[in-house]
């Protein structure tokens, strides 16, 4: 069975799990986006647990369950989906309007994002931040959170004078150390880390 077919089967199992947790869940409407987020997070979580960066290896590891242990797989995905939903409630805020931030802050974040996109070892930095997040119990929107934490840390290092913005070439190790310390504190910080502008009604249950 191909990795694509296995991914689609896992996606279907996630839909079933969400339908069990959310009675009004409608997978073939805009609610579909929620399953997309969860599917990506499940794949990321499995990569960390299996210590691999290969998506195909992740789904191949599940192939045997579809051949003889499907009920075990359903139970595991259902349990994981419940944990994911708890984290969704804790870490994600769904907004009906665009989340406004101060212009100066957004300008600095924009500059930091450009620096991040061009920095050396960007992928490695993000991957180890993701692993740290998962190991700290964060399973929802982890890639998004990892990237945001890195960009916010870069933004802190940008210095602005009255005429020019001065930024120092980012040191990946120094940035990771700062981000890692922040991630370590996250279990004690019960609040949103992600703000999304998508259909909100399915999350009111």
N, C-alpha and C. Protein backbone atom coordinates (compact mmCIF):
# COMPACT_ATOMS: atom_id res chain seq x y z
N UNK A 1 0.85 -1.19 0.00
CA UNK A 1 0.00 0.00 0.00
C UNK A 1 0.89 1.25 0.00
N UNK A 2 0.58 2.21 -0.86
CA UNK A 2 1.42 3.39 -0.97
C UNK A 2 1.26 4.30 0.25
N UNK A 3 2.26 5.16 0.45
CA UNK A 3 2.20 6.10 1.57
C UNK A 3 1.01 7.04 1.43
N UNK A 4 0.68 7.40 0.19
CA UNK A 4 -0.46 8.30 -0.04
C UNK A 4 -1.76 7.63 0.39
N UNK A 5 -1.92 6.37 0.02
CA UNK A 5 -3.13 5.64 0.42
C UNK A 5 -3.21 5.50 1.94
N UNK A 6 -2.07 5.23 2.55
CA UNK A 6 -2.05 5.10 4.01
C UNK A 6 -2.39 6.43 4.68
N UNK A 7 -1.85 7.51 4.13
CA UNK A 7 -2.16 8.83 4.67
C UNK A 7 -3.66 9.12 4.58
N UNK A 8 -4.25 8.77 3.45
CA UNK A 8 -5.69 9.00 3.28
C UNK A 8 -6.51 8.17 4.26
N UNK A 9 -6.07 6.95 4.52
CA UNK A 9 -6.79 6.10 5.47
C UNK A 9 -6.70 6.66 6.89
N UNK A 10 -5.52 7.15 7.25
CA UNK A 10 -5.35 7.76 8.57
C UNK A 10 -6.22 9.02 8.67
N UNK A 11 -6.28 9.77 7.58
CA UNK A 11 -7.11 10.97 7.55
C UNK A 11 -8.58 10.61 7.81
N UNK A 12 -9.04 9.53 7.20
CA UNK A 12 -10.42 9.08 7.40
C UNK A 12 -10.66 8.68 8.85
N UNK A 13 -9.67 8.04 9.47
CA UNK A 13 -9.81 7.65 10.87
C UNK A 13 -9.87 8.88 11.78
N UNK A 14 -9.13 9.92 11.42
CA UNK A 14 -9.20 11.16 12.19
C UNK A 14 -10.58 11.79 12.08
N UNK A 15 -11.15 11.76 10.89
CA UNK A 15 -12.51 12.28 10.71
C UNK A 15 -13.48 11.54 11.62
N UNK A 16 -13.38 10.21 11.66
CA UNK A 16 -14.25 9.42 12.53
C UNK A 16 -14.06 9.81 13.99
N UNK A 17 -12.81 10.02 14.38
CA UNK A 17 -12.53 10.38 15.78
C UNK A 17 -13.15 11.73 16.12
N UNK A 18 -13.00 12.71 15.24
CA UNK A 18 -13.56 14.03 15.51
C UNK A 18 -15.08 14.01 15.52
N UNK A 19 -15.67 13.18 14.68
CA UNK A 19 -17.13 13.05 14.68
C UNK A 19 -17.61 12.52 16.02
N UNK A 20 -16.80 11.68 16.66
CA UNK A 20 -17.17 11.15 17.97
C UNK A 20 -17.07 12.19 19.07
N UNK A 21 -16.07 13.06 18.97
CA UNK A 21 -15.86 14.08 19.99
C UNK A 21 -16.74 15.31 19.79
N UNK A 22 -17.07 15.62 18.53
CA UNK A 22 -17.82 16.83 18.21
C UNK A 22 -19.07 16.44 17.42
N UNK A 23 -20.21 16.34 18.07
CA UNK A 23 -21.43 15.87 17.39
C UNK A 23 -21.80 16.65 16.14
N UNK A 24 -21.57 17.97 16.15
CA UNK A 24 -21.96 18.79 15.01
C UNK A 24 -20.87 18.90 13.95
N UNK A 25 -19.84 18.09 14.08
CA UNK A 25 -18.71 18.13 13.15
C UNK A 25 -19.15 17.75 11.74
N UNK A 26 -18.76 18.56 10.75
CA UNK A 26 -19.13 18.31 9.36
C UNK A 26 -17.86 18.31 8.51
N UNK A 27 -17.31 17.13 8.26
CA UNK A 27 -16.00 17.04 7.61
C UNK A 27 -15.94 17.54 6.17
N UNK A 28 -17.07 17.65 5.50
CA UNK A 28 -17.03 18.06 4.10
C UNK A 28 -17.48 19.51 3.91
N UNK A 29 -17.29 20.31 4.96
CA UNK A 29 -17.51 21.75 4.90
C UNK A 29 -16.18 22.40 5.25
N UNK A 30 -16.20 23.64 5.71
CA UNK A 30 -14.97 24.31 6.12
C UNK A 30 -14.35 23.63 7.35
N UNK A 31 -15.14 22.80 8.04
CA UNK A 31 -14.61 22.07 9.19
C UNK A 31 -13.46 21.14 8.77
N UNK A 32 -13.41 20.85 7.49
CA UNK A 32 -12.36 20.01 6.93
C UNK A 32 -10.97 20.53 7.32
N UNK A 33 -10.84 21.86 7.43
CA UNK A 33 -9.54 22.44 7.74
C UNK A 33 -9.01 21.97 9.09
N UNK A 34 -9.91 21.72 10.02
CA UNK A 34 -9.49 21.25 11.33
C UNK A 34 -8.82 19.88 11.23
N UNK A 35 -9.38 19.01 10.39
CA UNK A 35 -8.79 17.69 10.20
C UNK A 35 -7.44 17.81 9.52
N UNK A 36 -7.30 18.76 8.61
CA UNK A 36 -6.02 18.97 7.93
C UNK A 36 -4.95 19.33 8.95
N UNK A 37 -5.27 20.25 9.86
CA UNK A 37 -4.31 20.62 10.90
C UNK A 37 -3.94 19.41 11.75
N UNK A 38 -4.95 18.66 12.17
CA UNK A 38 -4.70 17.50 13.03
C UNK A 38 -3.88 16.44 12.30
N UNK A 39 -4.16 16.24 11.03
CA UNK A 39 -3.43 15.25 10.24
C UNK A 39 -1.95 15.60 10.16
N UNK A 40 -1.67 16.86 9.93
CA UNK A 40 -0.27 17.30 9.88
C UNK A 40 0.41 17.12 11.23
N UNK A 41 -0.32 17.45 12.29
CA UNK A 41 0.26 17.31 13.62
C UNK A 41 0.49 15.86 13.99
N UNK A 42 -0.41 14.98 13.58
CA UNK A 42 -0.23 13.56 13.87
C UNK A 42 1.01 13.03 13.16
N UNK A 43 1.19 13.43 11.91
CA UNK A 43 2.38 13.01 11.17
C UNK A 43 3.65 13.53 11.84
N UNK A 44 3.62 14.79 12.26
CA UNK A 44 4.78 15.37 12.95
C UNK A 44 5.06 14.65 14.25
N UNK A 45 4.01 14.37 15.01
CA UNK A 45 4.14 13.67 16.29
C UNK A 45 4.75 12.28 16.08
N UNK A 46 4.29 11.58 15.05
CA UNK A 46 4.81 10.25 14.77
C UNK A 46 6.27 10.31 14.32
N UNK A 47 6.63 11.33 13.57
CA UNK A 47 8.03 11.48 13.15
C UNK A 47 8.94 11.59 14.37
N UNK A 48 8.50 12.37 15.34
CA UNK A 48 9.30 12.54 16.55
C UNK A 48 9.38 11.23 17.32
N UNK A 49 8.24 10.57 17.47
CA UNK A 49 8.21 9.32 18.24
C UNK A 49 9.00 8.21 17.56
N UNK A 50 9.00 8.21 16.22
CA UNK A 50 9.73 7.18 15.47
C UNK A 50 11.15 7.62 15.12
N UNK A 51 11.49 8.84 15.50
CA UNK A 51 12.83 9.39 15.25
C UNK A 51 13.19 9.34 13.77
N UNK A 52 12.31 9.89 12.95
CA UNK A 52 12.54 9.92 11.51
C UNK A 52 12.04 11.24 10.94
N UNK A 53 12.62 11.63 9.82
CA UNK A 53 12.13 12.81 9.10
C UNK A 53 11.41 12.41 7.81
N UNK A 54 11.24 11.11 7.62
CA UNK A 54 10.67 10.57 6.39
C UNK A 54 9.19 10.27 6.58
N UNK A 55 8.34 11.01 5.89
CA UNK A 55 6.89 10.79 5.99
C UNK A 55 6.50 9.39 5.54
N UNK A 56 7.17 8.89 4.52
CA UNK A 56 6.84 7.55 4.02
C UNK A 56 7.10 6.50 5.09
N UNK A 57 8.18 6.68 5.84
CA UNK A 57 8.50 5.72 6.91
C UNK A 57 7.42 5.73 7.99
N UNK A 58 6.87 6.92 8.24
CA UNK A 58 5.81 7.04 9.24
C UNK A 58 4.60 6.20 8.84
N UNK A 59 4.16 6.35 7.60
CA UNK A 59 2.95 5.64 7.18
C UNK A 59 3.20 4.16 6.94
N UNK A 60 4.40 3.82 6.51
CA UNK A 60 4.74 2.41 6.36
C UNK A 60 4.71 1.69 7.71
N UNK A 61 5.06 2.42 8.77
CA UNK A 61 5.05 1.82 10.11
C UNK A 61 3.62 1.49 10.56
N UNK A 62 2.64 2.13 9.92
CA UNK A 62 1.24 1.89 10.28
C UNK A 62 0.57 0.84 9.40
N UNK A 63 1.26 0.43 8.34
CA UNK A 63 0.63 -0.45 7.35
C UNK A 63 0.14 -1.76 7.97
N UNK A 64 0.92 -2.33 8.87
CA UNK A 64 0.53 -3.59 9.49
C UNK A 64 -0.77 -3.50 10.27
N UNK A 65 -1.04 -2.33 10.84
CA UNK A 65 -2.28 -2.15 11.59
C UNK A 65 -3.50 -2.23 10.68
N UNK A 66 -3.36 -1.75 9.46
CA UNK A 66 -4.49 -1.81 8.53
C UNK A 66 -4.74 -3.23 8.05
N UNK A 67 -3.74 -4.09 8.17
CA UNK A 67 -3.88 -5.46 7.69
C UNK A 67 -4.42 -6.41 8.75
N UNK A 68 -4.31 -6.03 10.04
CA UNK A 68 -4.78 -6.98 11.03
C UNK A 68 -5.09 -6.41 12.40
N UNK A 69 -4.75 -5.14 12.60
CA UNK A 69 -4.95 -4.54 13.92
C UNK A 69 -5.66 -3.20 13.80
N UNK A 70 -6.65 -3.13 12.92
CA UNK A 70 -7.30 -1.86 12.63
C UNK A 70 -8.00 -1.28 13.86
N UNK A 71 -8.58 -2.15 14.69
CA UNK A 71 -9.28 -1.64 15.87
C UNK A 71 -8.30 -1.02 16.86
N UNK A 72 -7.11 -1.61 16.96
CA UNK A 72 -6.07 -1.02 17.83
C UNK A 72 -5.67 0.36 17.30
N UNK A 73 -5.52 0.45 15.99
CA UNK A 73 -5.15 1.73 15.39
C UNK A 73 -6.24 2.77 15.59
N UNK A 74 -7.50 2.37 15.41
CA UNK A 74 -8.61 3.29 15.62
C UNK A 74 -8.62 3.81 17.06
N UNK A 75 -8.40 2.91 18.01
CA UNK A 75 -8.41 3.31 19.42
C UNK A 75 -7.27 4.28 19.70
N UNK A 76 -6.10 4.02 19.12
CA UNK A 76 -4.94 4.89 19.35
C UNK A 76 -5.17 6.27 18.75
N UNK A 77 -5.69 6.31 17.52
CA UNK A 77 -5.94 7.60 16.88
C UNK A 77 -7.05 8.35 17.60
N UNK A 78 -8.04 7.63 18.07
CA UNK A 78 -9.12 8.28 18.82
C UNK A 78 -8.58 8.91 20.11
N UNK A 79 -7.71 8.18 20.79
CA UNK A 79 -7.10 8.71 22.02
C UNK A 79 -6.24 9.93 21.72
N UNK A 80 -5.44 9.83 20.66
CA UNK A 80 -4.58 10.96 20.27
C UNK A 80 -5.43 12.17 19.89
N UNK A 81 -6.51 11.94 19.15
CA UNK A 81 -7.39 13.04 18.74
C UNK A 81 -7.98 13.76 19.95
N UNK A 82 -8.30 13.01 21.00
CA UNK A 82 -8.81 13.62 22.22
C UNK A 82 -7.77 14.53 22.86
N UNK A 83 -6.53 14.07 22.90
CA UNK A 83 -5.45 14.91 23.44
C UNK A 83 -5.24 16.14 22.58
N UNK A 84 -5.32 15.96 21.26
CA UNK A 84 -5.12 17.08 20.34
C UNK A 84 -6.20 18.13 20.54
N UNK A 85 -7.44 17.70 20.70
CA UNK A 85 -8.53 18.64 20.92
C UNK A 85 -8.36 19.42 22.21
N UNK A 86 -7.87 18.77 23.25
CA UNK A 86 -7.61 19.47 24.51
C UNK A 86 -6.56 20.55 24.31
N UNK A 87 -5.52 20.22 23.55
CA UNK A 87 -4.48 21.21 23.27
C UNK A 87 -5.00 22.32 22.36
N UNK A 88 -5.88 21.95 21.44
CA UNK A 88 -6.48 22.96 20.56
C UNK A 88 -7.22 24.00 21.39
N UNK A 89 -8.01 23.55 22.34
CA UNK A 89 -8.76 24.47 23.20
C UNK A 89 -7.81 25.37 24.00
N UNK A 90 -6.68 24.81 24.38
CA UNK A 90 -5.73 25.55 25.21
C UNK A 90 -4.88 26.52 24.41
N UNK A 91 -4.42 26.10 23.23
CA UNK A 91 -3.40 26.84 22.50
C UNK A 91 -3.91 27.65 21.31
N UNK A 92 -5.13 27.39 20.85
CA UNK A 92 -5.61 28.03 19.63
C UNK A 92 -6.82 28.91 19.93
N UNK A 93 -6.81 30.10 19.36
CA UNK A 93 -7.97 30.98 19.41
C UNK A 93 -8.44 31.23 17.99
N UNK A 94 -9.72 30.95 17.76
CA UNK A 94 -10.31 31.17 16.45
C UNK A 94 -11.00 32.52 16.47
N UNK A 95 -10.63 33.38 15.54
CA UNK A 95 -11.13 34.75 15.52
C UNK A 95 -12.05 34.98 14.32
N UNK A 96 -13.05 35.80 14.52
CA UNK A 96 -13.95 36.14 13.42
C UNK A 96 -13.44 37.33 12.62
N UNK A 97 -12.48 38.06 13.20
CA UNK A 97 -11.86 39.19 12.50
C UNK A 97 -10.35 39.05 12.60
N UNK A 98 -9.65 39.78 11.78
CA UNK A 98 -8.19 39.71 11.76
C UNK A 98 -7.62 40.17 13.08
N UNK A 99 -6.63 39.43 13.58
CA UNK A 99 -5.97 39.76 14.84
C UNK A 99 -5.01 40.93 14.60
N UNK A 100 -5.30 42.07 15.22
CA UNK A 100 -4.51 43.27 15.00
C UNK A 100 -3.39 43.39 16.03
N UNK A 101 -2.20 43.70 15.54
CA UNK A 101 -1.05 43.94 16.41
C UNK A 101 -0.49 45.32 16.11
N UNK A 102 0.25 45.92 17.06
CA UNK A 102 0.84 47.24 16.82
C UNK A 102 1.71 47.24 15.56
N UNK A 103 1.64 48.30 14.76
CA UNK A 103 2.41 48.36 13.50
C UNK A 103 3.90 48.16 13.69
N UNK A 104 4.48 48.74 14.75
CA UNK A 104 5.92 48.58 14.98
C UNK A 104 6.28 47.12 15.22
N UNK A 105 5.42 46.44 15.97
CA UNK A 105 5.66 45.02 16.24
C UNK A 105 5.58 44.21 14.95
N UNK A 106 4.57 44.48 14.14
CA UNK A 106 4.39 43.74 12.89
C UNK A 106 5.54 44.00 11.93
N UNK A 107 6.05 45.24 11.94
CA UNK A 107 7.20 45.55 11.08
C UNK A 107 8.42 44.75 11.50
N UNK A 108 8.63 44.67 12.81
CA UNK A 108 9.78 43.91 13.32
C UNK A 108 9.62 42.42 13.03
N UNK A 109 8.41 41.90 13.19
CA UNK A 109 8.16 40.49 12.89
C UNK A 109 8.39 40.21 11.41
N UNK A 110 7.97 41.15 10.56
CA UNK A 110 8.18 40.98 9.13
C UNK A 110 9.66 40.91 8.78
N UNK A 111 10.45 41.77 9.40
CA UNK A 111 11.90 41.75 9.17
C UNK A 111 12.51 40.45 9.70
N UNK A 112 12.03 40.04 10.87
CA UNK A 112 12.55 38.80 11.47
C UNK A 112 12.22 37.60 10.60
N UNK A 113 11.03 37.60 10.00
CA UNK A 113 10.64 36.49 9.14
C UNK A 113 11.56 36.40 7.91
N UNK A 114 11.91 37.55 7.35
CA UNK A 114 12.82 37.56 6.20
C UNK A 114 14.20 37.04 6.59
N UNK A 115 14.66 37.45 7.78
CA UNK A 115 15.96 36.96 8.26
C UNK A 115 15.91 35.45 8.44
N UNK A 116 14.82 34.98 9.03
CA UNK A 116 14.65 33.53 9.25
C UNK A 116 14.66 32.76 7.94
N UNK A 117 13.97 33.28 6.94
CA UNK A 117 13.88 32.58 5.66
C UNK A 117 15.24 32.43 4.99
N UNK A 118 16.16 33.33 5.30
CA UNK A 118 17.47 33.32 4.64
C UNK A 118 18.61 32.83 5.53
N UNK A 119 18.31 32.44 6.76
CA UNK A 119 19.38 32.08 7.67
C UNK A 119 19.87 30.66 7.44
N UNK A 120 21.12 30.41 7.81
CA UNK A 120 21.69 29.07 7.73
C UNK A 120 21.06 28.16 8.78
N UNK A 121 20.94 26.89 8.46
CA UNK A 121 20.43 25.88 9.38
C UNK A 121 19.00 26.15 9.84
N UNK A 122 18.24 26.82 8.97
CA UNK A 122 16.84 27.14 9.31
C UNK A 122 16.03 25.87 9.57
N UNK A 123 16.14 24.90 8.68
CA UNK A 123 15.35 23.67 8.82
C UNK A 123 15.75 22.89 10.07
N UNK A 124 17.06 22.81 10.31
CA UNK A 124 17.53 22.09 11.49
C UNK A 124 17.05 22.75 12.77
N UNK A 125 17.07 24.07 12.79
CA UNK A 125 16.61 24.81 13.96
C UNK A 125 15.14 24.55 14.22
N UNK A 126 14.35 24.60 13.16
CA UNK A 126 12.92 24.36 13.31
C UNK A 126 12.64 22.93 13.75
N UNK A 127 13.36 21.97 13.19
CA UNK A 127 13.12 20.57 13.53
C UNK A 127 13.43 20.26 14.99
N UNK A 128 14.51 20.81 15.51
CA UNK A 128 14.82 20.51 16.91
C UNK A 128 13.87 21.25 17.85
N UNK A 129 13.37 22.40 17.41
CA UNK A 129 12.35 23.09 18.20
C UNK A 129 11.06 22.28 18.22
N UNK A 130 10.70 21.69 17.09
CA UNK A 130 9.51 20.84 17.02
C UNK A 130 9.65 19.65 17.94
N UNK A 131 10.80 19.00 17.91
CA UNK A 131 11.03 17.85 18.78
C UNK A 131 10.92 18.23 20.25
N UNK A 132 11.46 19.38 20.58
CA UNK A 132 11.38 19.86 21.96
C UNK A 132 9.93 20.11 22.35
N UNK A 133 9.16 20.71 21.46
CA UNK A 133 7.74 20.97 21.74
C UNK A 133 6.98 19.67 21.98
N UNK A 134 7.18 18.69 21.10
CA UNK A 134 6.48 17.41 21.25
C UNK A 134 6.88 16.73 22.55
N UNK A 135 8.16 16.76 22.86
CA UNK A 135 8.62 16.13 24.10
C UNK A 135 8.12 16.84 25.35
N UNK A 136 7.70 18.10 25.18
CA UNK A 136 7.11 18.85 26.29
C UNK A 136 5.59 18.72 26.33
N UNK A 137 5.05 17.88 25.44
CA UNK A 137 3.61 17.62 25.48
C UNK A 137 2.77 18.47 24.54
N UNK A 138 3.42 19.27 23.69
CA UNK A 138 2.67 20.08 22.73
C UNK A 138 2.45 19.25 21.46
N UNK A 139 1.21 18.99 21.11
CA UNK A 139 0.94 18.16 19.94
C UNK A 139 0.05 18.87 18.92
N UNK A 140 -0.36 20.08 19.21
CA UNK A 140 -1.28 20.81 18.34
C UNK A 140 -0.58 22.02 17.72
N UNK A 141 -0.58 22.09 16.38
CA UNK A 141 -0.01 23.22 15.64
C UNK A 141 1.47 23.41 15.95
N UNK A 142 2.18 22.30 16.13
CA UNK A 142 3.56 22.38 16.62
C UNK A 142 4.51 23.05 15.62
N UNK A 143 4.33 22.78 14.33
CA UNK A 143 5.22 23.41 13.35
C UNK A 143 5.01 24.92 13.33
N UNK A 144 3.77 25.33 13.41
CA UNK A 144 3.42 26.75 13.43
C UNK A 144 4.01 27.41 14.67
N UNK A 145 3.85 26.76 15.82
CA UNK A 145 4.35 27.32 17.08
C UNK A 145 5.87 27.41 17.05
N UNK A 146 6.54 26.35 16.57
CA UNK A 146 8.00 26.34 16.52
C UNK A 146 8.52 27.50 15.68
N UNK A 147 7.94 27.67 14.51
CA UNK A 147 8.39 28.75 13.61
C UNK A 147 8.13 30.12 14.23
N UNK A 148 6.97 30.28 14.85
CA UNK A 148 6.66 31.57 15.47
C UNK A 148 7.60 31.90 16.62
N UNK A 149 7.93 30.90 17.43
CA UNK A 149 8.85 31.13 18.54
C UNK A 149 10.22 31.56 18.04
N UNK A 150 10.67 30.93 16.97
CA UNK A 150 11.97 31.28 16.39
C UNK A 150 11.94 32.70 15.84
N UNK A 151 10.90 33.03 15.10
CA UNK A 151 10.79 34.37 14.51
C UNK A 151 10.68 35.43 15.59
N UNK A 152 9.92 35.15 16.64
CA UNK A 152 9.80 36.11 17.74
C UNK A 152 11.15 36.33 18.42
N UNK A 153 11.93 35.27 18.54
CA UNK A 153 13.25 35.40 19.16
C UNK A 153 14.18 36.23 18.28
N UNK A 154 14.11 36.02 16.98
CA UNK A 154 14.92 36.83 16.06
C UNK A 154 14.50 38.29 16.16
N UNK A 155 13.19 38.52 16.24
CA UNK A 155 12.67 39.89 16.33
C UNK A 155 13.20 40.62 17.55
N UNK A 156 13.38 39.89 18.65
CA UNK A 156 13.90 40.50 19.87
C UNK A 156 15.32 41.02 19.67
N UNK A 157 16.03 40.43 18.72
CA UNK A 157 17.43 40.78 18.51
C UNK A 157 17.61 41.90 17.49
N UNK A 158 16.52 42.36 16.92
CA UNK A 158 16.59 43.47 15.97
C UNK A 158 16.56 44.78 16.74
N UNK A 159 17.51 45.63 16.47
CA UNK A 159 17.60 46.91 17.15
C UNK A 159 17.27 48.02 16.17
N UNK A 160 16.43 48.95 16.59
CA UNK A 160 16.01 50.03 15.70
C UNK A 160 16.48 51.37 16.24
N UNK A 161 17.16 52.13 15.38
CA UNK A 161 17.57 53.49 15.72
C UNK A 161 16.55 54.45 15.14
N UNK A 162 16.80 55.72 15.28
CA UNK A 162 15.85 56.71 14.77
C UNK A 162 15.80 56.72 13.24
N UNK A 163 16.87 56.25 12.60
CA UNK A 163 16.92 56.30 11.14
C UNK A 163 16.89 54.92 10.49
N UNK A 164 17.56 53.96 11.10
CA UNK A 164 17.70 52.66 10.44
C UNK A 164 17.42 51.52 11.40
N UNK A 165 17.03 50.39 10.82
CA UNK A 165 16.88 49.17 11.60
C UNK A 165 18.18 48.38 11.49
N UNK A 166 18.73 48.01 12.62
CA UNK A 166 19.99 47.28 12.63
C UNK A 166 19.72 45.87 13.15
N UNK A 167 20.12 44.89 12.40
CA UNK A 167 19.95 43.52 12.86
C UNK A 167 21.28 42.78 12.79
N UNK A 168 21.52 41.96 13.78
CA UNK A 168 22.75 41.18 13.84
C UNK A 168 22.50 39.83 13.19
N UNK A 169 23.49 39.31 12.48
CA UNK A 169 23.35 37.99 11.85
C UNK A 169 22.97 36.97 12.91
N UNK A 170 21.88 36.24 12.72
CA UNK A 170 21.39 35.33 13.75
C UNK A 170 22.31 34.14 13.97
N UNK A 171 22.50 33.79 15.22
CA UNK A 171 23.28 32.62 15.61
C UNK A 171 22.28 31.50 15.93
N UNK A 172 22.18 30.47 15.09
CA UNK A 172 21.17 29.42 15.31
C UNK A 172 21.25 28.78 16.69
N UNK A 173 22.45 28.54 17.19
CA UNK A 173 22.57 27.90 18.49
C UNK A 173 22.06 28.80 19.60
N UNK A 174 22.41 30.08 19.53
CA UNK A 174 21.94 31.03 20.53
C UNK A 174 20.42 31.17 20.48
N UNK A 175 19.88 31.21 19.27
CA UNK A 175 18.43 31.31 19.12
C UNK A 175 17.75 30.06 19.67
N UNK A 176 18.30 28.90 19.35
CA UNK A 176 17.68 27.67 19.86
C UNK A 176 17.71 27.63 21.38
N UNK A 177 18.81 28.04 21.99
CA UNK A 177 18.89 28.02 23.45
C UNK A 177 17.79 28.88 24.07
N UNK A 178 17.55 30.04 23.46
CA UNK A 178 16.50 30.92 23.97
C UNK A 178 15.12 30.32 23.74
N UNK A 179 14.90 29.76 22.54
CA UNK A 179 13.61 29.15 22.22
C UNK A 179 13.38 27.92 23.09
N UNK A 180 14.43 27.13 23.30
CA UNK A 180 14.31 25.93 24.13
C UNK A 180 13.89 26.28 25.55
N UNK A 181 14.46 27.35 26.09
CA UNK A 181 14.08 27.79 27.44
C UNK A 181 12.61 28.19 27.48
N UNK A 182 12.16 28.87 26.42
CA UNK A 182 10.75 29.26 26.33
C UNK A 182 9.85 28.03 26.27
N UNK A 183 10.24 27.04 25.47
CA UNK A 183 9.44 25.82 25.33
C UNK A 183 9.36 25.08 26.67
N UNK A 184 10.45 25.06 27.40
CA UNK A 184 10.47 24.39 28.70
C UNK A 184 9.45 25.01 29.65
N UNK A 185 9.21 26.31 29.51
CA UNK A 185 8.26 27.00 30.39
C UNK A 185 6.81 26.85 29.94
N UNK A 186 6.59 26.41 28.71
CA UNK A 186 5.23 26.37 28.17
C UNK A 186 4.23 25.57 29.00
N UNK A 187 4.61 24.40 29.56
CA UNK A 187 3.62 23.66 30.35
C UNK A 187 3.02 24.46 31.51
N UNK A 188 3.74 25.49 31.97
CA UNK A 188 3.24 26.32 33.06
C UNK A 188 2.44 27.52 32.55
N UNK A 189 2.45 27.71 31.23
CA UNK A 189 1.77 28.86 30.64
C UNK A 189 0.54 28.37 29.87
N UNK A 190 -0.60 28.38 30.51
CA UNK A 190 -1.83 27.88 29.91
C UNK A 190 -2.54 28.99 29.16
N UNK A 191 -2.22 29.13 27.90
CA UNK A 191 -2.85 30.18 27.13
C UNK A 191 -2.61 29.98 25.65
N UNK A 192 -3.27 30.79 24.82
CA UNK A 192 -3.16 30.61 23.36
C UNK A 192 -1.79 30.98 22.82
N UNK A 193 -1.37 30.23 21.82
CA UNK A 193 -0.13 30.52 21.10
C UNK A 193 -0.39 30.72 19.62
N UNK A 194 -1.60 30.38 19.19
CA UNK A 194 -1.96 30.45 17.77
C UNK A 194 -3.30 31.16 17.63
N UNK A 195 -3.37 32.09 16.68
CA UNK A 195 -4.62 32.80 16.40
C UNK A 195 -4.97 32.56 14.94
N UNK A 196 -6.18 32.04 14.71
CA UNK A 196 -6.61 31.67 13.37
C UNK A 196 -7.89 32.39 12.98
N UNK A 197 -7.97 32.78 11.73
CA UNK A 197 -9.19 33.37 11.19
C UNK A 197 -9.89 32.33 10.32
N UNK A 198 -10.61 31.41 10.96
CA UNK A 198 -11.40 30.42 10.24
C UNK A 198 -12.75 30.29 10.92
N UNK A 199 -13.63 29.54 10.30
CA UNK A 199 -15.00 29.37 10.79
C UNK A 199 -15.00 28.92 12.26
N UNK A 200 -15.61 29.70 13.16
CA UNK A 200 -15.50 29.39 14.58
C UNK A 200 -16.57 28.47 15.16
N UNK A 201 -17.72 28.26 14.49
CA UNK A 201 -18.85 27.65 15.18
C UNK A 201 -18.62 26.22 15.62
N UNK A 202 -17.71 25.48 14.95
CA UNK A 202 -17.54 24.08 15.33
C UNK A 202 -16.77 23.93 16.63
N UNK A 203 -16.16 25.00 17.10
CA UNK A 203 -15.35 24.88 18.30
C UNK A 203 -16.14 25.25 19.55
N UNK A 204 -17.41 25.51 19.40
CA UNK A 204 -18.24 25.88 20.54
C UNK A 204 -19.02 24.64 20.99
N UNK A 205 -18.40 23.84 21.83
CA UNK A 205 -19.04 22.61 22.29
C UNK A 205 -18.62 22.33 23.72
